[in-house]
Amino acid sequence: MTWGVGYPPSIRSPSVDLTSSEPCFNSVTSLTVSNVEGTLVYSLLSQNPNGNFYNAGYRIKCNETVLRSNGYSSYTLNVSVSDDVTTLYDTFTVTIFGLPTCSQGSFGLNCSSPCRCLLGANCNHIYGLCPNDQCAPGWITSNCSIACGQGMFGLNCSSTCHCDTCNHVNGSCAMSSQCHDGYRMDNGFCKPCESGSYGQNCSMDCH
């Protein structure tokens, strides 16, 4: 038994084109052999990363939805083809064409997620990663998708606001009824009491 075109898939530069009507049934991603004797068995031994490639009869097919959502531009497949006499092995890279590229400022599935990078920098169109992992003020995590927790705001969520509910970006306490003890409301922001006062709304005098 030999490879049907005289050489293994790795020499043929297999690819999947997501712009075609049936991209995961592209003939160049199918494994064909000649001089078959007995029952032919195809096995997908491993794939990296997970692209939901799978065995389907005499071909190795793939899940188009998973390829689009994962967004990887290539996958490495380790396969074997066997008959009653011979087993052929090959490890090859499948290149993915036709992946959507989001416009600047968005990323992810259907480009539905906004980038939130420092100084308005553009993010990776697949995963939302920002340059130097720097999120805009008020946001954290690898793709800057989670707002600061309660009581925190600003760059890296490293600043503390002194009210029950504040704006996670600039620390404004305008949405709170009052500041914590030791702070007073000043144009929507809680500022420390001036010298000589303390307590709620800085209403108490020091003696």
N, C-alpha and C. Protein backbone atom coordinates (compact mmCIF):
# COMPACT_ATOMS: atom_id res chain seq x y z
N MET A 1 0.85 -1.20 0.00
CA MET A 1 0.00 0.00 0.00
C MET A 1 0.88 1.24 0.00
N THR A 2 0.52 2.23 -0.80
CA THR A 2 1.26 3.48 -0.87
C THR A 2 0.28 4.65 -0.84
N TRP A 3 0.83 5.86 -0.63
CA TRP A 3 -0.02 7.04 -0.73
C TRP A 3 -0.52 7.18 -2.16
N GLY A 4 -1.79 7.56 -2.31
CA GLY A 4 -2.46 7.55 -3.61
C GLY A 4 -1.81 8.42 -4.65
N VAL A 5 -1.19 9.52 -4.27
CA VAL A 5 -0.55 10.40 -5.25
C VAL A 5 0.97 10.25 -5.21
N GLY A 6 1.42 9.21 -4.54
CA GLY A 6 2.85 8.94 -4.55
C GLY A 6 3.62 9.57 -3.42
N TYR A 7 2.98 10.44 -2.63
CA TYR A 7 3.67 11.05 -1.50
C TYR A 7 2.63 11.39 -0.42
N PRO A 8 3.06 11.51 0.82
CA PRO A 8 2.13 11.69 1.93
C PRO A 8 1.51 13.08 1.97
N PRO A 9 0.44 13.24 2.76
CA PRO A 9 -0.24 14.55 2.84
C PRO A 9 0.68 15.70 3.23
N SER A 10 1.69 15.42 4.05
CA SER A 10 2.57 16.50 4.51
C SER A 10 3.29 17.18 3.35
N ILE A 11 3.50 16.47 2.26
CA ILE A 11 4.15 17.05 1.09
C ILE A 11 3.17 17.89 0.29
N ARG A 12 1.88 17.62 0.45
CA ARG A 12 0.86 18.29 -0.35
C ARG A 12 0.36 19.60 0.28
N SER A 13 0.90 19.98 1.43
CA SER A 13 0.48 21.21 2.12
C SER A 13 -1.04 21.28 2.28
N PRO A 14 -1.62 20.36 3.04
CA PRO A 14 -3.08 20.33 3.21
C PRO A 14 -3.61 21.65 3.78
N SER A 15 -4.83 22.00 3.37
CA SER A 15 -5.42 23.24 3.83
C SER A 15 -6.93 23.09 3.94
N VAL A 16 -7.53 24.01 4.69
CA VAL A 16 -8.98 24.12 4.79
C VAL A 16 -9.33 25.56 4.47
N ASP A 17 -10.24 25.76 3.52
CA ASP A 17 -10.64 27.10 3.12
C ASP A 17 -12.05 27.38 3.65
N LEU A 18 -12.15 28.24 4.63
CA LEU A 18 -13.44 28.53 5.26
C LEU A 18 -14.35 29.37 4.38
N THR A 19 -13.86 29.81 3.23
CA THR A 19 -14.72 30.59 2.33
C THR A 19 -15.43 29.70 1.32
N SER A 20 -15.07 28.43 1.26
CA SER A 20 -15.71 27.52 0.31
C SER A 20 -17.00 26.96 0.91
N SER A 21 -17.83 26.37 0.07
CA SER A 21 -19.14 25.90 0.52
C SER A 21 -19.03 24.73 1.48
N GLU A 22 -18.06 23.85 1.25
CA GLU A 22 -17.85 22.72 2.15
C GLU A 22 -16.37 22.64 2.51
N PRO A 23 -15.91 23.58 3.32
CA PRO A 23 -14.46 23.71 3.55
C PRO A 23 -13.83 22.49 4.19
N CYS A 24 -14.56 21.78 5.02
CA CYS A 24 -13.94 20.67 5.72
C CYS A 24 -13.99 19.37 4.94
N PHE A 25 -14.42 19.46 3.67
CA PHE A 25 -14.43 18.28 2.83
C PHE A 25 -13.53 18.49 1.62
N ASN A 26 -12.61 19.44 1.77
CA ASN A 26 -11.64 19.73 0.73
C ASN A 26 -10.79 18.50 0.44
N SER A 27 -10.63 18.16 -0.83
CA SER A 27 -9.93 16.93 -1.18
C SER A 27 -8.49 16.91 -0.69
N VAL A 28 -7.85 18.07 -0.59
CA VAL A 28 -6.45 18.06 -0.17
C VAL A 28 -6.31 17.73 1.31
N THR A 29 -7.40 17.79 2.07
CA THR A 29 -7.30 17.39 3.47
C THR A 29 -7.67 15.93 3.66
N SER A 30 -8.07 15.27 2.57
CA SER A 30 -8.42 13.85 2.65
C SER A 30 -7.19 13.01 2.37
N LEU A 31 -7.10 11.89 3.02
CA LEU A 31 -5.97 11.00 2.85
C LEU A 31 -6.36 9.88 1.89
N THR A 32 -5.66 9.77 0.79
CA THR A 32 -5.97 8.72 -0.18
C THR A 32 -4.76 7.82 -0.37
N VAL A 33 -5.02 6.55 -0.52
CA VAL A 33 -3.95 5.58 -0.74
C VAL A 33 -4.31 4.70 -1.92
N SER A 34 -3.32 4.05 -2.49
CA SER A 34 -3.55 3.16 -3.63
C SER A 34 -3.07 1.75 -3.26
N ASN A 35 -3.37 0.81 -4.15
CA ASN A 35 -2.99 -0.59 -3.95
C ASN A 35 -3.56 -1.14 -2.64
N VAL A 36 -4.83 -0.80 -2.40
CA VAL A 36 -5.46 -1.20 -1.15
C VAL A 36 -5.79 -2.68 -1.18
N GLU A 37 -5.45 -3.37 -0.11
CA GLU A 37 -5.81 -4.77 0.06
C GLU A 37 -6.56 -4.90 1.38
N GLY A 38 -7.77 -5.42 1.34
CA GLY A 38 -8.52 -5.59 2.57
C GLY A 38 -9.23 -4.31 2.98
N THR A 39 -9.55 -4.21 4.25
CA THR A 39 -10.31 -3.07 4.77
C THR A 39 -9.36 -1.95 5.17
N LEU A 40 -9.65 -0.76 4.67
CA LEU A 40 -8.81 0.38 4.98
C LEU A 40 -9.33 1.08 6.24
N VAL A 41 -8.43 1.39 7.17
CA VAL A 41 -8.79 2.01 8.43
C VAL A 41 -8.01 3.31 8.59
N TYR A 42 -8.74 4.40 8.76
CA TYR A 42 -8.12 5.70 9.00
C TYR A 42 -8.17 6.01 10.50
N SER A 43 -7.09 6.53 11.04
CA SER A 43 -7.06 6.89 12.45
C SER A 43 -6.42 8.26 12.63
N LEU A 44 -7.13 9.13 13.38
CA LEU A 44 -6.56 10.41 13.77
C LEU A 44 -5.93 10.20 15.14
N LEU A 45 -4.62 10.12 15.19
CA LEU A 45 -3.92 9.77 16.42
C LEU A 45 -3.85 10.93 17.39
N SER A 46 -3.69 12.14 16.88
CA SER A 46 -3.64 13.32 17.75
C SER A 46 -3.84 14.56 16.90
N GLN A 47 -4.23 15.66 17.56
CA GLN A 47 -4.36 16.95 16.90
C GLN A 47 -3.98 18.04 17.89
N ASN A 48 -3.33 19.05 17.38
CA ASN A 48 -2.89 20.14 18.25
C ASN A 48 -2.91 21.46 17.48
N PRO A 49 -3.64 22.48 17.99
CA PRO A 49 -4.55 22.41 19.14
C PRO A 49 -5.84 21.69 18.75
N ASN A 50 -6.83 21.68 19.62
CA ASN A 50 -8.07 21.00 19.32
C ASN A 50 -8.81 21.74 18.22
N GLY A 51 -9.00 21.09 17.08
CA GLY A 51 -9.75 21.70 16.00
C GLY A 51 -10.97 20.89 15.63
N ASN A 52 -11.28 19.87 16.44
CA ASN A 52 -12.40 18.99 16.17
C ASN A 52 -12.29 18.34 14.79
N PHE A 53 -11.07 17.95 14.41
CA PHE A 53 -10.91 17.07 13.27
C PHE A 53 -11.32 15.68 13.72
N TYR A 54 -11.90 14.90 12.81
CA TYR A 54 -12.40 13.58 13.23
C TYR A 54 -12.41 12.64 12.04
N ASN A 55 -12.47 11.34 12.35
CA ASN A 55 -12.53 10.32 11.32
C ASN A 55 -13.94 10.25 10.76
N ALA A 56 -14.05 10.18 9.44
CA ALA A 56 -15.35 10.05 8.80
C ALA A 56 -15.18 9.19 7.56
N GLY A 57 -15.41 7.88 7.73
CA GLY A 57 -15.26 6.97 6.61
C GLY A 57 -13.83 6.94 6.11
N TYR A 58 -13.63 7.23 4.84
CA TYR A 58 -12.29 7.17 4.26
C TYR A 58 -11.61 8.53 4.26
N ARG A 59 -12.14 9.48 5.04
CA ARG A 59 -11.52 10.79 5.11
C ARG A 59 -11.37 11.25 6.56
N ILE A 60 -10.54 12.26 6.73
CA ILE A 60 -10.49 12.97 8.00
C ILE A 60 -11.13 14.33 7.76
N LYS A 61 -12.22 14.59 8.47
CA LYS A 61 -12.98 15.82 8.27
C LYS A 61 -12.81 16.74 9.48
N CYS A 62 -13.49 17.88 9.46
CA CYS A 62 -13.34 18.82 10.56
C CYS A 62 -14.65 19.56 10.81
N ASN A 63 -14.74 20.15 11.99
CA ASN A 63 -15.90 20.92 12.40
C ASN A 63 -15.65 22.39 12.08
N GLU A 64 -16.35 22.91 11.08
CA GLU A 64 -16.11 24.27 10.62
C GLU A 64 -16.37 25.30 11.72
N THR A 65 -17.42 25.08 12.52
CA THR A 65 -17.76 26.03 13.58
C THR A 65 -16.64 26.15 14.59
N VAL A 66 -16.05 25.00 14.95
CA VAL A 66 -14.95 25.01 15.92
C VAL A 66 -13.73 25.72 15.35
N LEU A 67 -13.43 25.48 14.09
CA LEU A 67 -12.28 26.15 13.47
C LEU A 67 -12.46 27.67 13.48
N ARG A 68 -13.67 28.12 13.22
CA ARG A 68 -13.93 29.56 13.21
C ARG A 68 -13.82 30.15 14.62
N SER A 69 -14.35 29.43 15.61
CA SER A 69 -14.36 29.97 16.97
C SER A 69 -12.98 29.89 17.62
N ASN A 70 -12.22 28.82 17.32
CA ASN A 70 -10.87 28.72 17.87
C ASN A 70 -9.97 29.79 17.26
N GLY A 71 -10.13 30.00 15.97
CA GLY A 71 -9.39 31.06 15.31
C GLY A 71 -7.94 30.75 15.02
N TYR A 72 -7.48 29.52 15.25
CA TYR A 72 -6.09 29.20 14.95
C TYR A 72 -5.89 29.09 13.44
N SER A 73 -4.75 29.54 12.97
CA SER A 73 -4.49 29.54 11.54
C SER A 73 -3.89 28.24 11.04
N SER A 74 -3.54 27.33 11.96
CA SER A 74 -3.02 26.03 11.54
C SER A 74 -3.18 25.01 12.65
N TYR A 75 -3.25 23.74 12.25
CA TYR A 75 -3.37 22.63 13.19
C TYR A 75 -2.42 21.53 12.76
N THR A 76 -1.85 20.84 13.73
CA THR A 76 -0.98 19.72 13.43
C THR A 76 -1.73 18.42 13.69
N LEU A 77 -1.79 17.56 12.67
CA LEU A 77 -2.49 16.28 12.78
C LEU A 77 -1.50 15.14 12.66
N ASN A 78 -1.68 14.15 13.50
CA ASN A 78 -0.88 12.93 13.45
C ASN A 78 -1.83 11.79 13.09
N VAL A 79 -1.64 11.16 11.93
CA VAL A 79 -2.61 10.20 11.42
C VAL A 79 -1.95 8.90 11.00
N SER A 80 -2.79 7.90 10.85
CA SER A 80 -2.33 6.64 10.27
C SER A 80 -3.41 6.09 9.36
N VAL A 81 -2.99 5.33 8.32
CA VAL A 81 -3.90 4.64 7.41
C VAL A 81 -3.43 3.21 7.31
N SER A 82 -4.34 2.27 7.57
CA SER A 82 -3.94 0.86 7.62
C SER A 82 -4.84 0.00 6.75
N ASP A 83 -4.26 -1.07 6.19
CA ASP A 83 -5.04 -2.15 5.60
C ASP A 83 -4.63 -3.43 6.30
N ASP A 84 -4.93 -4.55 5.73
CA ASP A 84 -4.60 -5.81 6.40
C ASP A 84 -3.11 -6.11 6.42
N VAL A 85 -2.35 -5.35 5.63
CA VAL A 85 -0.92 -5.65 5.48
C VAL A 85 -0.03 -4.53 6.00
N THR A 86 -0.37 -3.31 5.65
CA THR A 86 0.53 -2.18 5.87
C THR A 86 -0.17 -1.05 6.64
N THR A 87 0.64 -0.31 7.42
CA THR A 87 0.16 0.91 8.06
C THR A 87 1.07 2.06 7.66
N LEU A 88 0.45 3.13 7.16
CA LEU A 88 1.20 4.33 6.80
C LEU A 88 0.95 5.41 7.85
N TYR A 89 1.99 6.14 8.23
CA TYR A 89 1.88 7.20 9.22
C TYR A 89 2.33 8.52 8.61
N ASP A 90 1.73 9.58 9.11
CA ASP A 90 2.18 10.90 8.68
C ASP A 90 1.77 11.94 9.72
N THR A 91 2.62 12.93 9.91
CA THR A 91 2.31 14.10 10.74
C THR A 91 2.41 15.32 9.85
N PHE A 92 1.35 16.10 9.80
CA PHE A 92 1.35 17.23 8.88
C PHE A 92 0.56 18.39 9.46
N THR A 93 0.80 19.56 8.90
CA THR A 93 0.13 20.78 9.33
C THR A 93 -0.95 21.13 8.32
N VAL A 94 -2.16 21.38 8.82
CA VAL A 94 -3.27 21.83 7.99
C VAL A 94 -3.39 23.34 8.17
N THR A 95 -3.27 24.08 7.09
CA THR A 95 -3.38 25.53 7.14
C THR A 95 -4.83 25.95 6.93
N ILE A 96 -5.29 26.90 7.74
CA ILE A 96 -6.67 27.37 7.66
C ILE A 96 -6.71 28.72 6.94
N PHE A 97 -7.47 28.78 5.86
CA PHE A 97 -7.66 30.01 5.12
C PHE A 97 -9.08 30.54 5.32
N GLY A 98 -9.25 31.84 5.18
CA GLY A 98 -10.58 32.41 5.22
C GLY A 98 -11.07 32.77 6.61
N LEU A 99 -10.19 32.79 7.59
CA LEU A 99 -10.60 33.22 8.93
C LEU A 99 -10.98 34.69 8.89
N PRO A 100 -12.10 35.05 9.50
CA PRO A 100 -12.52 36.46 9.48
C PRO A 100 -11.56 37.33 10.28
N THR A 101 -11.29 38.51 9.79
CA THR A 101 -10.47 39.48 10.51
C THR A 101 -11.36 40.64 10.93
N CYS A 102 -11.43 40.87 12.23
CA CYS A 102 -12.30 41.92 12.75
C CYS A 102 -11.73 43.30 12.41
N SER A 103 -12.61 44.26 12.33
CA SER A 103 -12.16 45.64 12.17
C SER A 103 -11.51 46.10 13.47
N GLN A 104 -10.74 47.16 13.39
CA GLN A 104 -10.03 47.65 14.56
C GLN A 104 -11.00 47.98 15.69
N GLY A 105 -10.66 47.49 16.88
CA GLY A 105 -11.49 47.78 18.05
C GLY A 105 -12.42 46.67 18.44
N SER A 106 -12.38 45.52 17.74
CA SER A 106 -13.26 44.41 18.09
C SER A 106 -12.51 43.09 17.92
N PHE A 107 -13.05 42.03 18.53
CA PHE A 107 -12.43 40.72 18.42
C PHE A 107 -13.46 39.64 18.73
N GLY A 108 -13.02 38.38 18.55
CA GLY A 108 -13.83 37.24 18.96
C GLY A 108 -14.83 36.76 17.94
N LEU A 109 -15.71 35.85 18.39
CA LEU A 109 -16.71 35.26 17.52
C LEU A 109 -17.62 36.34 16.96
N ASN A 110 -17.71 36.38 15.62
CA ASN A 110 -18.49 37.40 14.92
C ASN A 110 -18.03 38.82 15.26
N CYS A 111 -16.80 38.95 15.76
CA CYS A 111 -16.23 40.27 16.10
C CYS A 111 -17.16 41.05 17.04
N SER A 112 -17.79 40.32 17.96
CA SER A 112 -18.82 40.93 18.81
C SER A 112 -18.29 41.52 20.11
N SER A 113 -17.00 41.31 20.41
CA SER A 113 -16.45 41.81 21.67
C SER A 113 -15.56 43.02 21.42
N PRO A 114 -15.68 44.06 22.24
CA PRO A 114 -14.86 45.26 22.05
C PRO A 114 -13.47 45.11 22.66
N CYS A 115 -12.47 45.70 22.00
CA CYS A 115 -11.14 45.78 22.59
C CYS A 115 -11.15 46.82 23.71
N ARG A 116 -10.41 46.55 24.77
CA ARG A 116 -10.32 47.51 25.88
C ARG A 116 -8.86 47.64 26.29
N CYS A 117 -8.06 48.13 25.35
CA CYS A 117 -6.62 48.25 25.59
C CYS A 117 -6.26 49.66 26.02
N LEU A 118 -5.13 49.76 26.69
CA LEU A 118 -4.63 51.04 27.17
C LEU A 118 -4.42 52.00 26.01
N LEU A 119 -4.87 53.22 26.19
CA LEU A 119 -4.71 54.31 25.21
C LEU A 119 -5.38 53.98 23.88
N GLY A 120 -6.38 53.10 23.90
CA GLY A 120 -7.12 52.80 22.69
C GLY A 120 -6.40 51.92 21.70
N ALA A 121 -5.32 51.26 22.12
CA ALA A 121 -4.58 50.38 21.21
C ALA A 121 -5.48 49.25 20.72
N ASN A 122 -5.19 48.74 19.53
CA ASN A 122 -5.97 47.64 18.99
C ASN A 122 -5.56 46.32 19.63
N CYS A 123 -6.51 45.39 19.73
CA CYS A 123 -6.22 44.10 20.34
C CYS A 123 -6.16 43.01 19.29
N ASN A 124 -5.68 41.84 19.68
CA ASN A 124 -5.67 40.67 18.81
C ASN A 124 -7.11 40.36 18.39
N HIS A 125 -7.32 40.20 17.08
CA HIS A 125 -8.70 40.06 16.59
C HIS A 125 -9.34 38.73 16.95
N ILE A 126 -8.55 37.78 17.42
CA ILE A 126 -9.11 36.48 17.80
C ILE A 126 -9.35 36.40 19.30
N TYR A 127 -8.32 36.71 20.08
CA TYR A 127 -8.41 36.50 21.53
C TYR A 127 -8.58 37.77 22.35
N GLY A 128 -8.43 38.93 21.73
CA GLY A 128 -8.60 40.18 22.46
C GLY A 128 -7.42 40.59 23.30
N LEU A 129 -6.26 39.96 23.10
CA LEU A 129 -5.07 40.30 23.88
C LEU A 129 -4.57 41.69 23.49
N CYS A 130 -4.17 42.46 24.49
CA CYS A 130 -3.70 43.83 24.26
C CYS A 130 -2.17 43.90 24.23
N PRO A 131 -1.60 44.88 23.55
CA PRO A 131 -0.14 45.03 23.54
C PRO A 131 0.41 45.14 24.96
N ASN A 132 1.43 44.35 25.23
CA ASN A 132 2.08 44.34 26.54
C ASN A 132 1.11 44.00 27.67
N ASP A 133 -0.03 43.35 27.31
CA ASP A 133 -1.03 42.95 28.32
C ASP A 133 -1.54 44.13 29.13
N GLN A 134 -1.63 45.29 28.51
CA GLN A 134 -2.07 46.49 29.23
C GLN A 134 -3.51 46.84 28.87
N CYS A 135 -4.38 46.72 29.86
CA CYS A 135 -5.80 47.04 29.67
C CYS A 135 -6.05 48.53 29.91
N ALA A 136 -7.14 49.01 29.37
CA ALA A 136 -7.59 50.36 29.67
C ALA A 136 -8.00 50.43 31.14
N PRO A 137 -7.96 51.60 31.76
CA PRO A 137 -8.39 51.72 33.16
C PRO A 137 -9.79 51.15 33.36
N GLY A 138 -9.95 50.40 34.44
CA GLY A 138 -11.25 49.84 34.77
C GLY A 138 -11.46 48.41 34.34
N TRP A 139 -10.46 47.83 33.65
CA TRP A 139 -10.62 46.47 33.11
C TRP A 139 -9.41 45.60 33.44
N ILE A 140 -9.66 44.30 33.60
CA ILE A 140 -8.58 43.34 33.90
C ILE A 140 -8.82 42.04 33.13
N THR A 141 -7.98 41.07 33.35
CA THR A 141 -7.87 39.73 32.74
C THR A 141 -7.14 39.82 31.42
N SER A 142 -6.81 38.65 30.86
CA SER A 142 -5.95 38.60 29.69
C SER A 142 -6.53 39.33 28.48
N ASN A 143 -7.85 39.32 28.32
CA ASN A 143 -8.44 40.06 27.20
C ASN A 143 -9.23 41.28 27.67
N CYS A 144 -8.95 41.71 28.89
CA CYS A 144 -9.52 42.96 29.41
C CYS A 144 -11.05 42.98 29.34
N SER A 145 -11.66 41.87 29.68
CA SER A 145 -13.11 41.75 29.54
C SER A 145 -13.87 41.85 30.86
N ILE A 146 -13.15 41.92 31.97
CA ILE A 146 -13.81 41.95 33.28
C ILE A 146 -13.56 43.30 33.93
N ALA A 147 -14.65 43.94 34.35
CA ALA A 147 -14.56 45.23 35.02
C ALA A 147 -14.02 45.05 36.44
N CYS A 148 -13.42 46.10 36.97
CA CYS A 148 -12.92 46.06 38.35
C CYS A 148 -14.03 45.64 39.30
N GLY A 149 -13.65 44.95 40.35
CA GLY A 149 -14.60 44.55 41.36
C GLY A 149 -15.07 45.74 42.18
N GLN A 150 -16.09 45.50 42.99
CA GLN A 150 -16.67 46.58 43.79
C GLN A 150 -15.61 47.22 44.69
N GLY A 151 -15.59 48.54 44.66
CA GLY A 151 -14.66 49.29 45.50
C GLY A 151 -13.32 49.58 44.87
N MET A 152 -13.11 49.08 43.63
CA MET A 152 -11.83 49.29 42.95
C MET A 152 -12.07 49.96 41.60
N PHE A 153 -11.04 50.68 41.12
CA PHE A 153 -11.16 51.32 39.81
C PHE A 153 -9.78 51.62 39.27
N GLY A 154 -9.78 52.11 38.02
CA GLY A 154 -8.54 52.62 37.43
C GLY A 154 -7.65 51.59 36.78
N LEU A 155 -6.43 51.99 36.48
CA LEU A 155 -5.45 51.15 35.81
C LEU A 155 -5.14 49.93 36.66
N ASN A 156 -5.30 48.75 36.07
CA ASN A 156 -5.09 47.47 36.76
C ASN A 156 -5.99 47.31 37.98
N CYS A 157 -7.04 48.12 38.05
CA CYS A 157 -7.98 48.08 39.19
C CYS A 157 -7.22 48.24 40.50
N SER A 158 -6.22 49.11 40.49
CA SER A 158 -5.33 49.24 41.64
C SER A 158 -5.72 50.37 42.59
N SER A 159 -6.74 51.14 42.24
CA SER A 159 -7.15 52.26 43.08
C SER A 159 -8.43 51.91 43.84
N THR A 160 -8.55 52.46 45.04
CA THR A 160 -9.71 52.21 45.89
C THR A 160 -10.63 53.42 45.90
N CYS A 161 -11.92 53.17 45.68
CA CYS A 161 -12.89 54.25 45.80
C CYS A 161 -13.52 54.15 47.19
N HIS A 162 -13.88 55.26 47.75
CA HIS A 162 -14.32 55.28 49.15
C HIS A 162 -15.82 55.53 49.25
N CYS A 163 -16.55 54.68 48.52
CA CYS A 163 -18.01 54.69 48.58
C CYS A 163 -18.47 53.28 48.26
N ASP A 164 -19.75 53.03 48.44
CA ASP A 164 -20.25 51.67 48.23
C ASP A 164 -20.25 51.27 46.76
N THR A 165 -20.55 52.20 45.87
CA THR A 165 -20.60 51.90 44.44
C THR A 165 -19.94 53.03 43.67
N CYS A 166 -18.88 52.68 42.93
CA CYS A 166 -18.21 53.72 42.15
C CYS A 166 -18.04 53.29 40.71
N ASN A 167 -17.74 54.23 39.87
CA ASN A 167 -17.46 53.95 38.47
C ASN A 167 -16.13 53.21 38.39
N HIS A 168 -16.12 52.05 37.73
CA HIS A 168 -14.92 51.21 37.73
C HIS A 168 -13.79 51.79 36.89
N VAL A 169 -14.09 52.80 36.07
CA VAL A 169 -13.06 53.40 35.23
C VAL A 169 -12.39 54.57 35.93
N ASN A 170 -13.19 55.57 36.38
CA ASN A 170 -12.60 56.80 36.94
C ASN A 170 -12.81 56.96 38.44
N GLY A 171 -13.55 56.05 39.08
CA GLY A 171 -13.73 56.11 40.52
C GLY A 171 -14.80 57.06 41.00
N SER A 172 -15.61 57.61 40.09
CA SER A 172 -16.68 58.52 40.49
C SER A 172 -17.67 57.82 41.41
N CYS A 173 -18.06 58.52 42.48
CA CYS A 173 -19.02 57.98 43.44
C CYS A 173 -20.39 58.64 43.29
N ALA A 174 -20.64 59.23 42.13
CA ALA A 174 -21.88 59.97 41.92
C ALA A 174 -23.11 59.09 42.08
N MET A 175 -22.95 57.76 41.86
CA MET A 175 -24.08 56.86 41.97
C MET A 175 -24.31 56.40 43.41
N SER A 176 -23.46 56.79 44.33
CA SER A 176 -23.62 56.44 45.74
C SER A 176 -24.26 57.59 46.51
N SER A 177 -24.97 57.27 47.56
CA SER A 177 -25.65 58.31 48.34
C SER A 177 -24.66 59.08 49.22
N GLN A 178 -23.58 58.43 49.65
CA GLN A 178 -22.60 59.12 50.48
C GLN A 178 -21.27 58.39 50.44
N CYS A 179 -20.24 59.06 50.95
CA CYS A 179 -18.90 58.48 51.01
C CYS A 179 -18.74 57.71 52.31
N HIS A 180 -17.68 56.92 52.36
CA HIS A 180 -17.34 56.24 53.60
C HIS A 180 -16.87 57.25 54.64
N ASP A 181 -16.89 56.84 55.89
CA ASP A 181 -16.41 57.72 56.95
C ASP A 181 -14.99 58.17 56.66
N GLY A 182 -14.74 59.45 56.89
CA GLY A 182 -13.42 60.01 56.65
C GLY A 182 -13.27 60.62 55.27
N TYR A 183 -14.39 60.59 54.51
CA TYR A 183 -14.35 61.14 53.15
C TYR A 183 -15.61 61.97 52.92
N ARG A 184 -15.51 62.92 52.02
CA ARG A 184 -16.65 63.80 51.70
C ARG A 184 -16.84 63.84 50.19
N MET A 185 -18.06 64.09 49.76
CA MET A 185 -18.37 64.15 48.34
C MET A 185 -17.98 65.51 47.77
N ASP A 186 -17.25 65.48 46.69
CA ASP A 186 -16.82 66.71 46.03
C ASP A 186 -16.93 66.50 44.52
N ASN A 187 -17.98 67.07 43.94
CA ASN A 187 -18.22 66.93 42.50
C ASN A 187 -18.27 65.48 42.05
N GLY A 188 -18.91 64.66 42.88
CA GLY A 188 -19.10 63.26 42.52
C GLY A 188 -17.99 62.33 42.94
N PHE A 189 -16.91 62.86 43.53
CA PHE A 189 -15.79 62.03 43.96
C PHE A 189 -15.62 62.14 45.47
N CYS A 190 -15.25 61.04 46.11
CA CYS A 190 -15.03 61.04 47.55
C CYS A 190 -13.58 61.42 47.85
N LYS A 191 -13.42 62.52 48.56
CA LYS A 191 -12.09 63.00 48.89
C LYS A 191 -11.90 63.00 50.40
N PRO A 192 -10.67 62.83 50.86
CA PRO A 192 -10.43 62.76 52.32
C PRO A 192 -10.86 64.05 53.03
N CYS A 193 -11.22 63.89 54.27
CA CYS A 193 -11.58 65.06 55.08
C CYS A 193 -10.39 66.01 55.17
N GLU A 194 -10.69 67.28 55.23
CA GLU A 194 -9.63 68.26 55.42
C GLU A 194 -9.17 68.22 56.87
N SER A 195 -8.01 68.77 57.11
CA SER A 195 -7.46 68.78 58.46
C SER A 195 -8.44 69.44 59.44
N GLY A 196 -8.68 68.74 60.55
CA GLY A 196 -9.56 69.28 61.58
C GLY A 196 -10.96 68.70 61.57
N SER A 197 -11.26 67.81 60.59
CA SER A 197 -12.58 67.19 60.55
C SER A 197 -12.44 65.69 60.31
N TYR A 198 -13.50 64.96 60.66
CA TYR A 198 -13.48 63.51 60.50
C TYR A 198 -14.92 63.00 60.48
N GLY A 199 -15.04 61.65 60.32
CA GLY A 199 -16.34 61.00 60.39
C GLY A 199 -17.14 61.05 59.11
N GLN A 200 -18.43 60.74 59.25
CA GLN A 200 -19.32 60.69 58.10
C GLN A 200 -19.49 62.07 57.49
N ASN A 201 -19.19 62.13 56.18
CA ASN A 201 -19.24 63.41 55.46
C ASN A 201 -18.34 64.47 56.07
N CYS A 202 -17.34 64.03 56.86
CA CYS A 202 -16.39 64.95 57.52
C CYS A 202 -17.12 65.98 58.37
N SER A 203 -18.20 65.53 59.01
CA SER A 203 -19.06 66.44 59.75
C SER A 203 -18.63 66.65 61.20
N MET A 204 -17.64 65.89 61.64
CA MET A 204 -17.19 66.02 63.03
C MET A 204 -15.89 66.82 63.09
N ASP A 205 -15.79 67.65 64.12
CA ASP A 205 -14.58 68.45 64.32
C ASP A 205 -13.62 67.76 65.27
N CYS A 206 -12.37 67.84 64.92
CA CYS A 206 -11.33 67.31 65.82
C CYS A 206 -11.10 68.33 66.94
N HIS A 207 -10.84 67.85 68.13
CA HIS A 207 -10.59 68.74 69.27
C HIS A 207 -9.22 68.41 69.87
